[in-house]
Amino acid sequence: MKKIAMKTAAVALSTVAASILMPAQAHADNGDDWGRGVNLVNVESRKCLEAENSGTANGTRVQQWDCNGQAGAVWTHYEEEGGGAYLYNVNAHKCLEIADSRGDNGAPAQLWDCIPGLRTQQWSQADLGATLGAHFINDNSLMELEIENGSHKNGARAQQWLPHNTSLSANWYIVYAN
């Protein structure tokens, strides 16, 4: 497992996956900085992680939706001194967190003002290879970011769940945003 900002073992997309996700516009994360923004695309559903309705308020629900260039689906990361790595929604200028610092299965993901040192907003990335993408593990709960019930529907919420190897709903491709 590594912190998000480390530039090793990039997540690559196969040609088939790239054409399914974003025809002619998909790029593999080659280890470069996410500075220009990325979409986090669920491996199972092929939908983007986004702030609901591209919302910008604290408490905005995070969900999956068809990847269509929406502002609320562009993410980047930053690492604070001392080590915490954050997933940052570029449109909202807020961090991805687990609501109320909860530690239970099914606790929802949401956006909130970035708070230095708040572990419920800190994420580690585990690269799984070209076909399987990456996992994002919450540093507070040690649970994975996933889509509820492995749903393929627009609007299915993002939540945390204990790591399991039976579903791809916790696997994410990192694709440069348009």
N, C-alpha and C. Protein backbone atom coordinates (compact mmCIF):
# COMPACT_ATOMS: atom_id res chain seq x y z
N MET A 1 0.85 -1.17 0.00
CA MET A 1 0.00 0.00 0.00
C MET A 1 0.90 1.23 0.00
N LYS A 2 0.44 2.30 -0.66
CA LYS A 2 1.22 3.52 -0.72
C LYS A 2 0.32 4.72 -0.61
N LYS A 3 0.90 5.83 -0.27
CA LYS A 3 0.16 7.08 -0.26
C LYS A 3 -0.13 7.49 -1.69
N ILE A 4 -1.23 8.17 -1.91
CA ILE A 4 -1.69 8.54 -3.25
C ILE A 4 -0.64 9.33 -4.01
N ALA A 5 0.05 10.24 -3.36
CA ALA A 5 0.94 11.14 -4.08
C ALA A 5 2.21 10.46 -4.58
N MET A 6 2.53 9.27 -4.14
CA MET A 6 3.72 8.59 -4.63
C MET A 6 3.56 8.31 -6.11
N LYS A 7 4.66 8.36 -6.84
CA LYS A 7 4.61 8.26 -8.30
C LYS A 7 5.21 6.94 -8.77
N THR A 8 4.76 5.83 -8.19
CA THR A 8 5.25 4.53 -8.61
C THR A 8 4.09 3.65 -9.01
N ALA A 9 4.36 2.56 -9.67
CA ALA A 9 3.37 1.55 -10.04
C ALA A 9 2.06 2.16 -10.52
N ALA A 10 2.07 2.76 -11.66
CA ALA A 10 0.89 3.44 -12.20
C ALA A 10 -0.22 2.47 -12.55
N VAL A 11 -1.45 2.98 -12.52
CA VAL A 11 -2.60 2.20 -12.95
C VAL A 11 -2.77 2.43 -14.44
N ALA A 12 -2.75 1.35 -15.22
CA ALA A 12 -2.88 1.48 -16.68
C ALA A 12 -4.21 0.91 -17.11
N LEU A 13 -4.74 1.43 -18.21
CA LEU A 13 -5.98 0.93 -18.77
C LEU A 13 -5.67 0.09 -19.99
N SER A 14 -6.36 -1.02 -20.13
CA SER A 14 -6.22 -1.79 -21.36
C SER A 14 -6.96 -1.04 -22.47
N THR A 15 -6.64 -1.35 -23.72
CA THR A 15 -7.27 -0.69 -24.86
C THR A 15 -8.78 -0.89 -24.82
N VAL A 16 -9.21 -2.09 -24.46
CA VAL A 16 -10.64 -2.37 -24.41
C VAL A 16 -11.32 -1.53 -23.34
N ALA A 17 -10.75 -1.49 -22.14
CA ALA A 17 -11.34 -0.71 -21.06
C ALA A 17 -11.38 0.76 -21.43
N ALA A 18 -10.32 1.27 -22.04
CA ALA A 18 -10.28 2.68 -22.41
C ALA A 18 -11.38 3.02 -23.40
N SER A 19 -11.63 2.16 -24.36
CA SER A 19 -12.67 2.46 -25.35
C SER A 19 -14.06 2.40 -24.73
N ILE A 20 -14.25 1.58 -23.71
CA ILE A 20 -15.53 1.51 -23.03
C ILE A 20 -15.74 2.76 -22.17
N LEU A 21 -14.67 3.22 -21.51
CA LEU A 21 -14.79 4.31 -20.55
C LEU A 21 -15.00 5.65 -21.24
N MET A 22 -14.08 6.05 -22.06
CA MET A 22 -14.13 7.36 -22.68
C MET A 22 -13.47 7.26 -24.05
N PRO A 23 -14.21 6.89 -25.07
CA PRO A 23 -13.62 6.66 -26.38
C PRO A 23 -12.75 7.83 -26.83
N ALA A 24 -11.57 7.51 -27.31
CA ALA A 24 -10.61 8.45 -27.89
C ALA A 24 -10.12 9.52 -26.91
N GLN A 25 -10.52 9.44 -25.64
CA GLN A 25 -10.08 10.47 -24.69
C GLN A 25 -9.48 9.86 -23.43
N ALA A 26 -9.46 8.55 -23.32
CA ALA A 26 -8.93 7.92 -22.11
C ALA A 26 -7.41 7.89 -22.17
N HIS A 27 -6.79 8.15 -21.05
CA HIS A 27 -5.35 8.09 -20.93
C HIS A 27 -5.04 7.32 -19.66
N ALA A 28 -4.06 6.48 -19.73
CA ALA A 28 -3.65 5.76 -18.52
C ALA A 28 -2.90 6.72 -17.61
N ASP A 29 -3.02 6.52 -16.31
CA ASP A 29 -2.22 7.26 -15.36
C ASP A 29 -0.82 6.67 -15.45
N ASN A 30 0.12 7.41 -15.95
CA ASN A 30 1.47 6.89 -16.14
C ASN A 30 2.39 7.27 -14.99
N GLY A 31 1.83 7.61 -13.85
CA GLY A 31 2.62 7.96 -12.70
C GLY A 31 2.86 9.46 -12.58
N ASP A 32 2.46 10.25 -13.56
CA ASP A 32 2.61 11.69 -13.48
C ASP A 32 1.67 12.24 -12.42
N ASP A 33 1.91 13.47 -12.01
CA ASP A 33 1.05 14.15 -11.06
C ASP A 33 -0.39 14.23 -11.58
N TRP A 34 -1.34 14.14 -10.73
CA TRP A 34 -2.75 14.26 -11.10
C TRP A 34 -3.12 15.72 -11.31
N GLY A 35 -2.18 16.62 -11.35
CA GLY A 35 -2.42 18.06 -11.35
C GLY A 35 -3.49 18.55 -12.28
N ARG A 36 -3.62 17.97 -13.46
CA ARG A 36 -4.64 18.46 -14.37
C ARG A 36 -6.00 17.83 -14.11
N GLY A 37 -6.09 16.96 -13.14
CA GLY A 37 -7.35 16.36 -12.75
C GLY A 37 -7.58 15.00 -13.39
N VAL A 38 -8.23 14.13 -12.64
CA VAL A 38 -8.54 12.79 -13.11
C VAL A 38 -10.00 12.47 -12.83
N ASN A 39 -10.50 11.48 -13.54
CA ASN A 39 -11.77 10.86 -13.19
C ASN A 39 -11.43 9.54 -12.51
N LEU A 40 -12.14 9.22 -11.46
CA LEU A 40 -12.03 7.91 -10.82
C LEU A 40 -13.20 7.09 -11.34
N VAL A 41 -12.90 6.09 -12.14
CA VAL A 41 -13.91 5.32 -12.85
C VAL A 41 -14.01 3.94 -12.21
N ASN A 42 -15.21 3.58 -11.75
CA ASN A 42 -15.41 2.30 -11.11
C ASN A 42 -15.22 1.18 -12.12
N VAL A 43 -14.39 0.21 -11.78
CA VAL A 43 -14.06 -0.88 -12.69
C VAL A 43 -15.30 -1.70 -13.04
N GLU A 44 -16.17 -1.93 -12.06
CA GLU A 44 -17.34 -2.78 -12.28
C GLU A 44 -18.42 -2.07 -13.11
N SER A 45 -18.76 -0.85 -12.75
CA SER A 45 -19.88 -0.16 -13.40
C SER A 45 -19.46 0.70 -14.59
N ARG A 46 -18.17 1.05 -14.66
CA ARG A 46 -17.64 1.96 -15.70
C ARG A 46 -18.21 3.37 -15.57
N LYS A 47 -18.59 3.77 -14.35
CA LYS A 47 -19.13 5.10 -14.08
C LYS A 47 -18.14 5.90 -13.23
N CYS A 48 -18.24 7.22 -13.33
CA CYS A 48 -17.34 8.12 -12.62
C CYS A 48 -17.80 8.39 -11.19
N LEU A 49 -16.84 8.52 -10.28
CA LEU A 49 -17.11 9.01 -8.94
C LEU A 49 -17.33 10.51 -9.05
N GLU A 50 -18.44 11.00 -8.49
CA GLU A 50 -18.75 12.43 -8.62
C GLU A 50 -19.45 12.95 -7.38
N ALA A 51 -19.38 14.28 -7.23
CA ALA A 51 -20.20 14.98 -6.24
C ALA A 51 -21.59 15.11 -6.85
N GLU A 52 -22.62 14.70 -6.13
CA GLU A 52 -23.98 14.73 -6.64
C GLU A 52 -24.31 16.11 -7.19
N ASN A 53 -24.82 16.15 -8.44
CA ASN A 53 -25.18 17.40 -9.12
C ASN A 53 -24.03 18.41 -9.15
N SER A 54 -22.80 17.91 -9.10
CA SER A 54 -21.60 18.76 -9.04
C SER A 54 -21.68 19.75 -7.88
N GLY A 55 -22.30 19.30 -6.77
CA GLY A 55 -22.48 20.14 -5.59
C GLY A 55 -21.17 20.58 -4.98
N THR A 56 -21.23 21.69 -4.24
CA THR A 56 -20.03 22.27 -3.64
C THR A 56 -20.17 22.49 -2.13
N ALA A 57 -21.29 22.14 -1.55
CA ALA A 57 -21.52 22.38 -0.11
C ALA A 57 -20.93 21.25 0.73
N ASN A 58 -20.57 21.59 1.97
CA ASN A 58 -20.19 20.55 2.91
C ASN A 58 -21.33 19.55 3.03
N GLY A 59 -20.99 18.27 3.06
CA GLY A 59 -22.00 17.23 3.18
C GLY A 59 -22.54 16.75 1.84
N THR A 60 -22.06 17.30 0.72
CA THR A 60 -22.52 16.83 -0.59
C THR A 60 -22.23 15.35 -0.73
N ARG A 61 -23.25 14.63 -1.11
CA ARG A 61 -23.16 13.18 -1.30
C ARG A 61 -22.21 12.87 -2.47
N VAL A 62 -21.45 11.80 -2.35
CA VAL A 62 -20.59 11.33 -3.42
C VAL A 62 -21.19 10.04 -3.96
N GLN A 63 -21.27 9.96 -5.28
CA GLN A 63 -21.99 8.86 -5.93
C GLN A 63 -21.29 8.53 -7.25
N GLN A 64 -21.86 7.58 -7.99
CA GLN A 64 -21.36 7.31 -9.33
C GLN A 64 -22.37 7.80 -10.36
N TRP A 65 -21.85 8.18 -11.53
CA TRP A 65 -22.70 8.65 -12.63
C TRP A 65 -21.95 8.41 -13.93
N ASP A 66 -22.70 8.31 -15.02
CA ASP A 66 -22.06 8.19 -16.33
C ASP A 66 -20.99 9.26 -16.46
N CYS A 67 -19.85 8.90 -17.04
CA CYS A 67 -18.76 9.85 -17.27
C CYS A 67 -19.13 10.69 -18.48
N ASN A 68 -19.47 11.95 -18.23
CA ASN A 68 -19.88 12.82 -19.35
C ASN A 68 -19.23 14.20 -19.28
N GLY A 69 -18.10 14.28 -18.60
CA GLY A 69 -17.38 15.54 -18.52
C GLY A 69 -17.89 16.47 -17.43
N GLN A 70 -18.75 15.99 -16.53
CA GLN A 70 -19.30 16.84 -15.48
C GLN A 70 -18.21 17.33 -14.53
N ALA A 71 -18.35 18.58 -14.11
CA ALA A 71 -17.34 19.23 -13.26
C ALA A 71 -17.15 18.49 -11.94
N GLY A 72 -18.20 17.95 -11.38
CA GLY A 72 -18.13 17.29 -10.07
C GLY A 72 -17.43 15.95 -10.08
N ALA A 73 -16.97 15.48 -11.24
CA ALA A 73 -16.29 14.19 -11.34
C ALA A 73 -14.78 14.35 -11.54
N VAL A 74 -14.26 15.56 -11.35
CA VAL A 74 -12.83 15.78 -11.52
C VAL A 74 -12.17 15.84 -10.14
N TRP A 75 -11.16 15.00 -9.97
CA TRP A 75 -10.46 14.85 -8.69
C TRP A 75 -8.97 15.09 -8.89
N THR A 76 -8.32 15.47 -7.82
CA THR A 76 -6.88 15.50 -7.76
C THR A 76 -6.49 15.07 -6.36
N HIS A 77 -5.25 15.18 -6.01
CA HIS A 77 -4.83 14.82 -4.66
C HIS A 77 -3.77 15.80 -4.20
N TYR A 78 -3.58 15.81 -2.91
CA TYR A 78 -2.44 16.53 -2.38
C TYR A 78 -2.01 15.82 -1.11
N GLU A 79 -0.77 16.00 -0.78
CA GLU A 79 -0.23 15.38 0.43
C GLU A 79 0.28 16.48 1.33
N GLU A 80 -0.17 16.46 2.59
CA GLU A 80 0.29 17.49 3.51
C GLU A 80 1.61 17.07 4.13
N GLU A 81 2.33 18.04 4.65
CA GLU A 81 3.56 17.72 5.35
C GLU A 81 3.22 16.79 6.51
N GLY A 82 4.02 15.77 6.68
CA GLY A 82 3.74 14.82 7.73
C GLY A 82 3.04 13.58 7.22
N GLY A 83 2.55 13.62 5.95
CA GLY A 83 2.13 12.37 5.36
C GLY A 83 0.71 12.14 4.93
N GLY A 84 -0.26 12.86 5.38
CA GLY A 84 -1.64 12.56 4.99
C GLY A 84 -1.90 12.87 3.52
N ALA A 85 -2.54 11.95 2.80
CA ALA A 85 -2.89 12.16 1.39
C ALA A 85 -4.40 12.31 1.27
N TYR A 86 -4.83 13.31 0.49
CA TYR A 86 -6.24 13.66 0.39
C TYR A 86 -6.71 13.55 -1.05
N LEU A 87 -7.95 13.07 -1.26
CA LEU A 87 -8.61 13.12 -2.56
C LEU A 87 -9.43 14.40 -2.57
N TYR A 88 -9.19 15.25 -3.55
CA TYR A 88 -9.71 16.61 -3.57
C TYR A 88 -10.59 16.80 -4.79
N ASN A 89 -11.85 17.23 -4.57
CA ASN A 89 -12.76 17.50 -5.67
C ASN A 89 -12.46 18.90 -6.20
N VAL A 90 -12.02 18.96 -7.46
CA VAL A 90 -11.56 20.21 -8.06
C VAL A 90 -12.68 21.24 -8.14
N ASN A 91 -13.88 20.82 -8.50
CA ASN A 91 -15.01 21.74 -8.65
C ASN A 91 -15.44 22.33 -7.31
N ALA A 92 -15.56 21.49 -6.30
CA ALA A 92 -16.07 21.91 -5.00
C ALA A 92 -14.99 22.51 -4.10
N HIS A 93 -13.73 22.25 -4.39
CA HIS A 93 -12.62 22.66 -3.53
C HIS A 93 -12.80 22.07 -2.14
N LYS A 94 -13.17 20.78 -2.12
CA LYS A 94 -13.39 20.07 -0.86
C LYS A 94 -12.77 18.68 -0.94
N CYS A 95 -12.59 18.06 0.20
CA CYS A 95 -11.98 16.74 0.29
C CYS A 95 -13.04 15.65 0.41
N LEU A 96 -12.69 14.47 -0.10
CA LEU A 96 -13.52 13.28 0.07
C LEU A 96 -13.30 12.76 1.47
N GLU A 97 -14.38 12.49 2.18
CA GLU A 97 -14.27 11.95 3.53
C GLU A 97 -15.39 10.97 3.78
N ILE A 98 -15.24 10.22 4.87
CA ILE A 98 -16.32 9.36 5.35
C ILE A 98 -17.07 10.15 6.41
N ALA A 99 -18.39 10.21 6.24
CA ALA A 99 -19.25 11.03 7.11
C ALA A 99 -19.04 10.72 8.58
N ASP A 100 -18.92 11.75 9.37
CA ASP A 100 -18.87 11.68 10.82
C ASP A 100 -17.75 10.79 11.35
N SER A 101 -16.69 10.62 10.57
CA SER A 101 -15.55 9.77 10.97
C SER A 101 -15.98 8.36 11.34
N ARG A 102 -17.05 7.90 10.72
CA ARG A 102 -17.60 6.58 11.06
C ARG A 102 -16.64 5.46 10.69
N GLY A 103 -16.77 4.35 11.40
CA GLY A 103 -15.91 3.20 11.16
C GLY A 103 -16.67 1.96 10.76
N ASP A 104 -17.94 2.12 10.38
CA ASP A 104 -18.77 0.95 10.08
C ASP A 104 -18.91 0.73 8.57
N ASN A 105 -19.19 -0.53 8.20
CA ASN A 105 -19.51 -0.85 6.82
C ASN A 105 -20.70 -0.02 6.37
N GLY A 106 -20.64 0.52 5.17
CA GLY A 106 -21.76 1.27 4.62
C GLY A 106 -21.77 2.75 4.97
N ALA A 107 -20.80 3.21 5.76
CA ALA A 107 -20.75 4.65 6.07
C ALA A 107 -20.54 5.42 4.77
N PRO A 108 -21.35 6.46 4.53
CA PRO A 108 -21.31 7.16 3.24
C PRO A 108 -20.11 8.08 3.08
N ALA A 109 -19.68 8.21 1.82
CA ALA A 109 -18.65 9.18 1.46
C ALA A 109 -19.33 10.51 1.15
N GLN A 110 -18.66 11.59 1.47
CA GLN A 110 -19.20 12.93 1.22
C GLN A 110 -18.04 13.89 1.02
N LEU A 111 -18.39 15.12 0.64
CA LEU A 111 -17.40 16.19 0.52
C LEU A 111 -17.45 17.06 1.77
N TRP A 112 -16.28 17.57 2.16
CA TRP A 112 -16.21 18.46 3.31
C TRP A 112 -14.97 19.33 3.16
N ASP A 113 -15.00 20.50 3.81
CA ASP A 113 -13.79 21.34 3.82
C ASP A 113 -12.61 20.49 4.26
N CYS A 114 -11.48 20.67 3.60
CA CYS A 114 -10.28 19.91 3.94
C CYS A 114 -9.74 20.39 5.28
N ILE A 115 -9.52 19.44 6.18
CA ILE A 115 -9.04 19.76 7.53
C ILE A 115 -7.71 19.05 7.73
N PRO A 116 -6.62 19.80 7.87
CA PRO A 116 -5.31 19.18 8.04
C PRO A 116 -5.31 18.19 9.22
N GLY A 117 -4.76 17.01 8.94
CA GLY A 117 -4.62 15.99 9.98
C GLY A 117 -5.85 15.13 10.22
N LEU A 118 -6.98 15.43 9.58
CA LEU A 118 -8.21 14.65 9.80
C LEU A 118 -8.12 13.34 9.03
N ARG A 119 -7.94 12.24 9.76
CA ARG A 119 -7.68 10.94 9.13
C ARG A 119 -8.87 10.40 8.34
N THR A 120 -10.08 10.81 8.65
CA THR A 120 -11.23 10.34 7.87
C THR A 120 -11.25 10.93 6.46
N GLN A 121 -10.39 11.95 6.23
CA GLN A 121 -10.24 12.53 4.89
C GLN A 121 -8.97 12.04 4.20
N GLN A 122 -8.20 11.19 4.86
CA GLN A 122 -6.93 10.73 4.29
C GLN A 122 -7.11 9.35 3.68
N TRP A 123 -6.46 9.14 2.52
CA TRP A 123 -6.62 7.92 1.73
C TRP A 123 -5.27 7.39 1.29
N SER A 124 -5.13 6.09 1.31
CA SER A 124 -3.98 5.41 0.73
C SER A 124 -4.45 4.68 -0.51
N GLN A 125 -3.55 4.52 -1.45
CA GLN A 125 -3.87 3.88 -2.72
C GLN A 125 -3.11 2.57 -2.82
N ALA A 126 -3.82 1.50 -3.19
CA ALA A 126 -3.19 0.21 -3.46
C ALA A 126 -3.41 -0.12 -4.92
N ASP A 127 -2.32 -0.13 -5.70
CA ASP A 127 -2.41 -0.44 -7.13
C ASP A 127 -2.58 -1.94 -7.31
N LEU A 128 -3.48 -2.31 -8.22
CA LEU A 128 -3.79 -3.73 -8.44
C LEU A 128 -3.43 -4.21 -9.83
N GLY A 129 -2.91 -3.34 -10.67
CA GLY A 129 -2.52 -3.72 -12.02
C GLY A 129 -3.47 -3.15 -13.07
N ALA A 130 -3.09 -3.35 -14.32
CA ALA A 130 -3.80 -2.73 -15.45
C ALA A 130 -5.27 -3.06 -15.52
N THR A 131 -5.63 -4.30 -15.29
CA THR A 131 -7.05 -4.67 -15.45
C THR A 131 -7.88 -4.39 -14.21
N LEU A 132 -7.28 -4.44 -13.06
CA LEU A 132 -8.05 -4.32 -11.82
C LEU A 132 -8.05 -2.91 -11.22
N GLY A 133 -7.23 -2.00 -11.71
CA GLY A 133 -7.26 -0.62 -11.21
C GLY A 133 -6.54 -0.45 -9.89
N ALA A 134 -7.19 0.26 -8.97
CA ALA A 134 -6.61 0.57 -7.66
C ALA A 134 -7.71 0.57 -6.62
N HIS A 135 -7.33 0.37 -5.38
CA HIS A 135 -8.23 0.55 -4.23
C HIS A 135 -7.82 1.83 -3.54
N PHE A 136 -8.80 2.52 -2.95
CA PHE A 136 -8.54 3.66 -2.09
C PHE A 136 -9.00 3.28 -0.70
N ILE A 137 -8.08 3.30 0.26
CA ILE A 137 -8.34 2.84 1.61
C ILE A 137 -8.32 4.04 2.54
N ASN A 138 -9.42 4.19 3.31
CA ASN A 138 -9.52 5.30 4.25
C ASN A 138 -8.56 5.05 5.41
N ASP A 139 -7.71 6.04 5.69
CA ASP A 139 -6.69 5.87 6.73
C ASP A 139 -7.29 5.78 8.13
N ASN A 140 -8.49 6.27 8.33
CA ASN A 140 -9.13 6.21 9.64
C ASN A 140 -9.74 4.83 9.90
N SER A 141 -10.52 4.34 8.96
CA SER A 141 -11.26 3.09 9.16
C SER A 141 -10.57 1.86 8.58
N LEU A 142 -9.60 2.08 7.69
CA LEU A 142 -8.91 1.01 6.95
C LEU A 142 -9.88 0.24 6.06
N MET A 143 -10.96 0.91 5.66
CA MET A 143 -11.94 0.32 4.74
C MET A 143 -11.78 0.93 3.36
N GLU A 144 -12.27 0.19 2.35
CA GLU A 144 -12.15 0.61 0.96
C GLU A 144 -13.32 1.48 0.52
N LEU A 145 -13.03 2.40 -0.40
CA LEU A 145 -14.07 3.18 -1.06
C LEU A 145 -14.71 2.29 -2.11
N GLU A 146 -16.02 2.15 -2.06
CA GLU A 146 -16.72 1.29 -3.02
C GLU A 146 -18.08 1.88 -3.36
N ILE A 147 -18.74 1.25 -4.32
CA ILE A 147 -20.10 1.63 -4.69
C ILE A 147 -21.07 0.65 -4.05
N GLU A 148 -22.09 1.21 -3.41
CA GLU A 148 -23.08 0.43 -2.66
C GLU A 148 -23.65 -0.72 -3.48
N ASN A 149 -23.58 -1.90 -2.90
CA ASN A 149 -24.14 -3.13 -3.48
C ASN A 149 -23.62 -3.45 -4.88
N GLY A 150 -22.47 -2.91 -5.25
CA GLY A 150 -21.92 -3.16 -6.59
C GLY A 150 -22.86 -2.71 -7.70
N SER A 151 -23.67 -1.72 -7.40
CA SER A 151 -24.68 -1.24 -8.35
C SER A 151 -24.05 -0.69 -9.63
N HIS A 152 -24.78 -0.81 -10.71
CA HIS A 152 -24.40 -0.23 -11.99
C HIS A 152 -25.26 0.99 -12.31
N LYS A 153 -26.12 1.41 -11.39
CA LYS A 153 -27.06 2.50 -11.64
C LYS A 153 -26.43 3.86 -11.37
N ASN A 154 -26.83 4.85 -12.18
CA ASN A 154 -26.49 6.24 -11.87
C ASN A 154 -27.08 6.60 -10.52
N GLY A 155 -26.32 7.32 -9.71
CA GLY A 155 -26.80 7.76 -8.40
C GLY A 155 -26.50 6.79 -7.27
N ALA A 156 -25.95 5.62 -7.57
CA ALA A 156 -25.57 4.70 -6.48
C ALA A 156 -24.48 5.37 -5.65
N ARG A 157 -24.63 5.34 -4.35
CA ARG A 157 -23.73 6.11 -3.49
C ARG A 157 -22.40 5.41 -3.26
N ALA A 158 -21.40 6.24 -3.02
CA ALA A 158 -20.08 5.76 -2.62
C ALA A 158 -20.09 5.60 -1.10
N GLN A 159 -19.45 4.56 -0.64
CA GLN A 159 -19.41 4.26 0.78
C GLN A 159 -18.10 3.52 1.09
N GLN A 160 -17.91 3.22 2.37
CA GLN A 160 -16.76 2.41 2.73
C GLN A 160 -17.22 1.01 3.11
N TRP A 161 -16.34 0.04 2.89
CA TRP A 161 -16.64 -1.35 3.24
C TRP A 161 -15.33 -2.07 3.54
N LEU A 162 -15.43 -3.06 4.43
CA LEU A 162 -14.25 -3.87 4.71
C LEU A 162 -13.71 -4.45 3.41
N PRO A 163 -12.39 -4.53 3.27
CA PRO A 163 -11.82 -5.10 2.05
C PRO A 163 -12.34 -6.51 1.79
N HIS A 164 -12.67 -6.76 0.54
CA HIS A 164 -13.11 -8.08 0.10
C HIS A 164 -12.66 -8.28 -1.33
N ASN A 165 -12.49 -9.49 -1.73
CA ASN A 165 -11.97 -9.78 -3.06
C ASN A 165 -13.02 -10.37 -3.98
N THR A 166 -14.28 -10.26 -3.64
CA THR A 166 -15.32 -10.90 -4.44
C THR A 166 -16.03 -9.94 -5.38
N SER A 167 -15.74 -8.66 -5.32
CA SER A 167 -16.43 -7.68 -6.14
C SER A 167 -15.44 -6.66 -6.67
N LEU A 168 -15.73 -6.12 -7.83
CA LEU A 168 -14.90 -5.05 -8.40
C LEU A 168 -15.44 -3.67 -8.05
N SER A 169 -16.47 -3.60 -7.20
CA SER A 169 -17.09 -2.31 -6.88
C SER A 169 -16.18 -1.40 -6.05
N ALA A 170 -15.07 -1.95 -5.54
CA ALA A 170 -14.10 -1.15 -4.80
C ALA A 170 -12.85 -0.89 -5.62
N ASN A 171 -12.90 -1.20 -6.91
CA ASN A 171 -11.75 -1.01 -7.79
C ASN A 171 -12.00 0.22 -8.68
N TRP A 172 -10.93 1.01 -8.87
CA TRP A 172 -11.05 2.28 -9.59
C TRP A 172 -9.95 2.44 -10.61
N TYR A 173 -10.34 2.82 -11.84
CA TYR A 173 -9.36 3.25 -12.83
C TYR A 173 -9.14 4.74 -12.61
N ILE A 174 -7.91 5.18 -12.84
CA ILE A 174 -7.54 6.59 -12.75
C ILE A 174 -7.33 7.07 -14.18
N VAL A 175 -8.22 7.95 -14.65
CA VAL A 175 -8.23 8.38 -16.05
C VAL A 175 -8.13 9.89 -16.10
N TYR A 176 -7.20 10.42 -16.88
CA TYR A 176 -7.11 11.87 -16.99
C TYR A 176 -8.44 12.46 -17.42
N ALA A 177 -8.88 13.51 -16.75
CA ALA A 177 -10.13 14.19 -17.08
C ALA A 177 -9.96 14.97 -18.38
N ASN A 178 -11.10 15.18 -19.04
CA ASN A 178 -11.07 15.93 -20.32
C ASN A 178 -10.66 17.35 -20.10
